[in-house]
């Protein structure tokens, strides 16, 4: 009969879940009604960025993005040329 392996696996999962619920030493999700007890959000003390540093970062990001766009265009043109030459060769 088909599906007996699936039913056996399901029963094994249900048994292991029951054992986890009965385990006294298991603290996670205990008496939380399904909610996770968070210890709070960690606080970070970031230094204030100066205006000239922000400008340099902005200029560098613009330059890097332009370089990425140029590389993509060159790669697209190269692949297009290769595909066109292969199509002309085949036909």
N, C-alpha and C. Protein backbone atom coordinates (compact mmCIF):
# COMPACT_ATOMS: atom_id res chain seq x y z
N UNK A 1 0.84 -1.17 0.00
CA UNK A 1 0.00 0.00 0.00
C UNK A 1 0.89 1.24 0.00
N UNK A 2 0.57 2.20 -0.86
CA UNK A 2 1.39 3.39 -0.99
C UNK A 2 1.23 4.34 0.18
N UNK A 3 2.28 5.06 0.49
CA UNK A 3 2.20 6.09 1.52
C UNK A 3 2.53 5.61 2.92
N UNK A 4 2.87 4.35 3.08
CA UNK A 4 3.14 3.86 4.43
C UNK A 4 4.42 4.47 5.01
N UNK A 5 5.39 4.76 4.15
CA UNK A 5 6.62 5.41 4.63
C UNK A 5 6.35 6.82 5.10
N UNK A 6 5.45 7.49 4.41
CA UNK A 6 5.09 8.85 4.80
C UNK A 6 4.37 8.86 6.14
N UNK A 7 3.46 7.90 6.34
CA UNK A 7 2.73 7.82 7.60
C UNK A 7 3.67 7.50 8.76
N UNK A 8 4.64 6.63 8.51
CA UNK A 8 5.61 6.28 9.55
C UNK A 8 6.44 7.50 9.93
N UNK A 9 6.86 8.27 8.95
CA UNK A 9 7.64 9.48 9.22
C UNK A 9 6.81 10.49 9.99
N UNK A 10 5.54 10.62 9.63
CA UNK A 10 4.66 11.56 10.34
C UNK A 10 4.51 11.15 11.80
N UNK A 11 4.30 9.86 12.04
CA UNK A 11 4.16 9.38 13.41
C UNK A 11 5.43 9.61 14.21
N UNK A 12 6.58 9.44 13.59
CA UNK A 12 7.86 9.66 14.28
C UNK A 12 8.01 11.13 14.66
N UNK A 13 7.61 12.03 13.77
CA UNK A 13 7.70 13.46 14.06
C UNK A 13 6.77 13.83 15.20
N UNK A 14 5.57 13.29 15.19
CA UNK A 14 4.60 13.60 16.26
C UNK A 14 5.13 13.10 17.60
N UNK A 15 5.73 11.90 17.64
CA UNK A 15 6.29 11.37 18.88
C UNK A 15 7.41 12.26 19.40
N UNK A 16 8.31 12.67 18.50
CA UNK A 16 9.43 13.50 18.95
C UNK A 16 8.94 14.85 19.44
N UNK A 17 7.91 15.39 18.82
CA UNK A 17 7.36 16.67 19.29
C UNK A 17 6.73 16.52 20.67
N UNK A 18 6.05 15.39 20.92
CA UNK A 18 5.47 15.15 22.24
C UNK A 18 6.56 15.07 23.30
N UNK A 19 7.66 14.39 22.96
CA UNK A 19 8.77 14.27 23.91
C UNK A 19 9.36 15.64 24.23
N UNK A 20 9.45 16.51 23.21
CA UNK A 20 9.99 17.85 23.45
C UNK A 20 9.08 18.65 24.36
N UNK A 21 7.77 18.50 24.20
CA UNK A 21 6.83 19.24 25.05
C UNK A 21 6.88 18.79 26.49
N UNK A 22 7.15 17.50 26.71
CA UNK A 22 7.20 16.96 28.07
C UNK A 22 8.53 17.24 28.76
N UNK A 23 9.56 17.59 28.01
CA UNK A 23 10.89 17.78 28.57
C UNK A 23 10.89 18.99 29.50
N UNK A 24 11.22 18.75 30.77
CA UNK A 24 11.19 19.80 31.78
C UNK A 24 12.35 20.77 31.62
N UNK A 25 13.47 20.27 31.16
CA UNK A 25 14.67 21.10 31.06
C UNK A 25 14.62 22.06 29.88
N UNK A 26 13.65 21.93 29.04
CA UNK A 26 13.55 22.78 27.85
C UNK A 26 12.89 24.10 28.23
N UNK A 27 13.62 25.20 28.11
CA UNK A 27 13.12 26.51 28.55
C UNK A 27 12.48 27.31 27.42
N UNK A 28 12.91 27.09 26.20
CA UNK A 28 12.43 27.93 25.11
C UNK A 28 10.94 27.70 24.88
N UNK A 29 10.18 28.76 24.74
CA UNK A 29 8.74 28.76 24.52
C UNK A 29 7.96 28.19 25.71
N UNK A 30 8.54 28.15 26.87
CA UNK A 30 7.85 27.60 28.03
C UNK A 30 6.95 28.68 28.62
N UNK A 31 5.67 28.38 28.72
CA UNK A 31 4.65 29.27 29.28
C UNK A 31 4.64 30.65 28.60
N UNK A 32 4.82 30.68 27.32
CA UNK A 32 4.77 31.95 26.61
C UNK A 32 3.61 31.99 25.63
N UNK A 33 2.79 30.95 25.60
CA UNK A 33 1.65 30.87 24.70
C UNK A 33 2.07 31.06 23.25
N UNK A 34 3.20 30.46 22.88
CA UNK A 34 3.66 30.50 21.51
C UNK A 34 4.46 31.73 21.14
N UNK A 35 4.70 32.62 22.08
CA UNK A 35 5.46 33.84 21.78
C UNK A 35 6.88 33.69 22.30
N UNK A 36 7.78 34.35 21.66
CA UNK A 36 9.18 34.30 22.04
C UNK A 36 9.47 35.42 23.01
N UNK A 37 10.13 35.10 24.10
CA UNK A 37 10.50 36.13 25.08
C UNK A 37 11.77 36.83 24.62
N UNK A 38 11.65 38.06 24.29
CA UNK A 38 12.79 38.82 23.82
C UNK A 38 13.47 39.52 24.99
N UNK A 39 14.77 39.57 24.95
CA UNK A 39 15.51 40.24 26.01
C UNK A 39 15.67 41.73 25.74
N UNK A 40 15.09 42.20 24.67
CA UNK A 40 15.18 43.61 24.34
C UNK A 40 16.13 43.86 23.19
N UNK A 41 15.98 45.01 22.61
CA UNK A 41 16.80 45.39 21.48
C UNK A 41 18.15 45.92 21.97
N UNK A 42 19.27 45.45 21.40
CA UNK A 42 20.57 45.96 21.84
C UNK A 42 20.76 47.41 21.38
N UNK A 43 21.38 48.16 22.21
CA UNK A 43 21.64 49.57 21.92
C UNK A 43 23.05 49.73 21.38
N UNK A 44 23.17 50.49 20.31
CA UNK A 44 24.48 50.75 19.70
C UNK A 44 24.76 52.24 19.78
N UNK A 45 26.01 52.57 19.98
CA UNK A 45 26.42 53.96 20.06
C UNK A 45 27.27 54.27 18.82
N UNK A 46 26.59 54.71 17.75
CA UNK A 46 27.29 55.03 16.51
C UNK A 46 27.79 56.47 16.57
N UNK A 47 29.00 56.70 16.06
CA UNK A 47 29.48 58.09 16.02
C UNK A 47 28.74 58.88 14.93
N UNK A 48 28.63 60.16 15.11
CA UNK A 48 27.97 61.02 14.14
C UNK A 48 28.87 61.20 12.92
N UNK A 49 28.29 61.06 11.75
CA UNK A 49 29.06 61.22 10.52
C UNK A 49 29.17 62.69 10.17
N UNK A 50 30.35 63.09 9.70
CA UNK A 50 30.55 64.47 9.33
C UNK A 50 30.15 64.66 7.86
N UNK A 51 29.84 65.89 7.50
CA UNK A 51 29.29 66.20 6.20
C UNK A 51 30.26 65.85 5.07
N UNK A 52 31.56 66.13 5.23
CA UNK A 52 32.52 65.84 4.16
C UNK A 52 32.69 64.33 3.99
N UNK A 53 32.56 63.56 5.06
CA UNK A 53 32.64 62.10 4.95
C UNK A 53 31.46 61.56 4.18
N UNK A 54 30.28 62.09 4.44
CA UNK A 54 29.08 61.66 3.73
C UNK A 54 29.18 62.00 2.25
N UNK A 55 29.71 63.18 1.93
CA UNK A 55 29.87 63.58 0.52
C UNK A 55 30.84 62.64 -0.20
N UNK A 56 31.96 62.31 0.46
CA UNK A 56 32.93 61.41 -0.16
C UNK A 56 32.32 60.03 -0.40
N UNK A 57 31.56 59.54 0.57
CA UNK A 57 30.90 58.24 0.40
C UNK A 57 29.90 58.27 -0.75
N UNK A 58 29.15 59.38 -0.84
CA UNK A 58 28.16 59.50 -1.91
C UNK A 58 28.85 59.51 -3.27
N UNK A 59 29.92 60.28 -3.40
CA UNK A 59 30.65 60.33 -4.67
C UNK A 59 31.24 58.97 -5.03
N UNK A 60 31.78 58.26 -4.04
CA UNK A 60 32.35 56.95 -4.30
C UNK A 60 31.29 55.95 -4.72
N UNK A 61 30.12 55.99 -4.08
CA UNK A 61 29.03 55.08 -4.45
C UNK A 61 28.54 55.36 -5.87
N UNK A 62 28.42 56.65 -6.24
CA UNK A 62 28.00 57.00 -7.59
C UNK A 62 29.03 56.48 -8.60
N UNK A 63 30.32 56.67 -8.31
CA UNK A 63 31.37 56.20 -9.21
C UNK A 63 31.33 54.68 -9.36
N UNK A 64 31.20 53.97 -8.25
CA UNK A 64 31.16 52.50 -8.30
C UNK A 64 29.94 52.01 -9.06
N UNK A 65 28.80 52.65 -8.87
CA UNK A 65 27.59 52.25 -9.59
C UNK A 65 27.74 52.48 -11.09
N UNK A 66 28.38 53.59 -11.47
CA UNK A 66 28.63 53.84 -12.89
C UNK A 66 29.54 52.77 -13.49
N UNK A 67 30.56 52.36 -12.72
CA UNK A 67 31.46 51.32 -13.21
C UNK A 67 30.73 49.99 -13.39
N UNK A 68 29.84 49.67 -12.47
CA UNK A 68 29.07 48.43 -12.57
C UNK A 68 28.16 48.46 -13.79
N UNK A 69 27.51 49.60 -14.03
CA UNK A 69 26.63 49.74 -15.19
C UNK A 69 27.43 49.60 -16.48
N UNK A 70 28.63 50.22 -16.54
CA UNK A 70 29.48 50.10 -17.73
C UNK A 70 29.88 48.66 -17.99
N UNK A 71 30.26 47.94 -16.94
CA UNK A 71 30.64 46.53 -17.10
C UNK A 71 29.47 45.70 -17.61
N UNK A 72 28.28 45.96 -17.08
CA UNK A 72 27.11 45.19 -17.52
C UNK A 72 26.79 45.47 -18.99
N UNK A 73 26.90 46.73 -19.39
CA UNK A 73 26.63 47.08 -20.79
C UNK A 73 27.64 46.42 -21.71
N UNK A 74 28.92 46.46 -21.33
CA UNK A 74 29.96 45.84 -22.15
C UNK A 74 29.73 44.33 -22.24
N UNK A 75 29.39 43.71 -21.11
CA UNK A 75 29.13 42.26 -21.12
C UNK A 75 27.92 41.94 -21.98
N UNK A 76 26.87 42.76 -21.92
CA UNK A 76 25.68 42.53 -22.73
C UNK A 76 26.00 42.65 -24.22
N UNK A 77 26.77 43.66 -24.58
CA UNK A 77 27.15 43.84 -25.99
C UNK A 77 28.00 42.68 -26.47
N UNK A 78 28.95 42.23 -25.64
CA UNK A 78 29.81 41.12 -26.03
C UNK A 78 28.99 39.84 -26.22
N UNK A 79 28.09 39.56 -25.31
CA UNK A 79 27.27 38.36 -25.45
C UNK A 79 26.36 38.47 -26.66
N UNK A 80 25.81 39.66 -26.90
CA UNK A 80 24.95 39.86 -28.06
C UNK A 80 25.72 39.62 -29.36
N UNK A 81 26.93 40.16 -29.45
CA UNK A 81 27.74 39.97 -30.66
C UNK A 81 28.05 38.49 -30.86
N UNK A 82 28.40 37.80 -29.78
CA UNK A 82 28.68 36.37 -29.89
C UNK A 82 27.45 35.60 -30.36
N UNK A 83 26.29 35.91 -29.80
CA UNK A 83 25.07 35.22 -30.21
C UNK A 83 24.71 35.50 -31.66
N UNK A 84 24.88 36.75 -32.09
CA UNK A 84 24.56 37.10 -33.48
C UNK A 84 25.49 36.37 -34.44
N UNK A 85 26.80 36.34 -34.12
CA UNK A 85 27.72 35.63 -35.01
C UNK A 85 27.44 34.13 -35.04
N UNK A 86 27.05 33.55 -33.91
CA UNK A 86 26.72 32.13 -33.88
C UNK A 86 25.47 31.87 -34.71
N UNK A 87 24.48 32.74 -34.62
CA UNK A 87 23.26 32.58 -35.42
C UNK A 87 23.55 32.69 -36.91
N UNK A 88 24.39 33.66 -37.31
CA UNK A 88 24.74 33.80 -38.73
C UNK A 88 25.54 32.57 -39.20
N UNK A 89 26.38 32.02 -38.34
CA UNK A 89 27.17 30.87 -38.72
C UNK A 89 26.27 29.64 -38.91
N UNK A 90 25.29 29.47 -38.02
CA UNK A 90 24.39 28.33 -38.10
C UNK A 90 23.46 28.45 -39.31
N UNK A 91 22.95 29.63 -39.54
CA UNK A 91 22.00 29.81 -40.66
C UNK A 91 22.79 30.05 -41.92
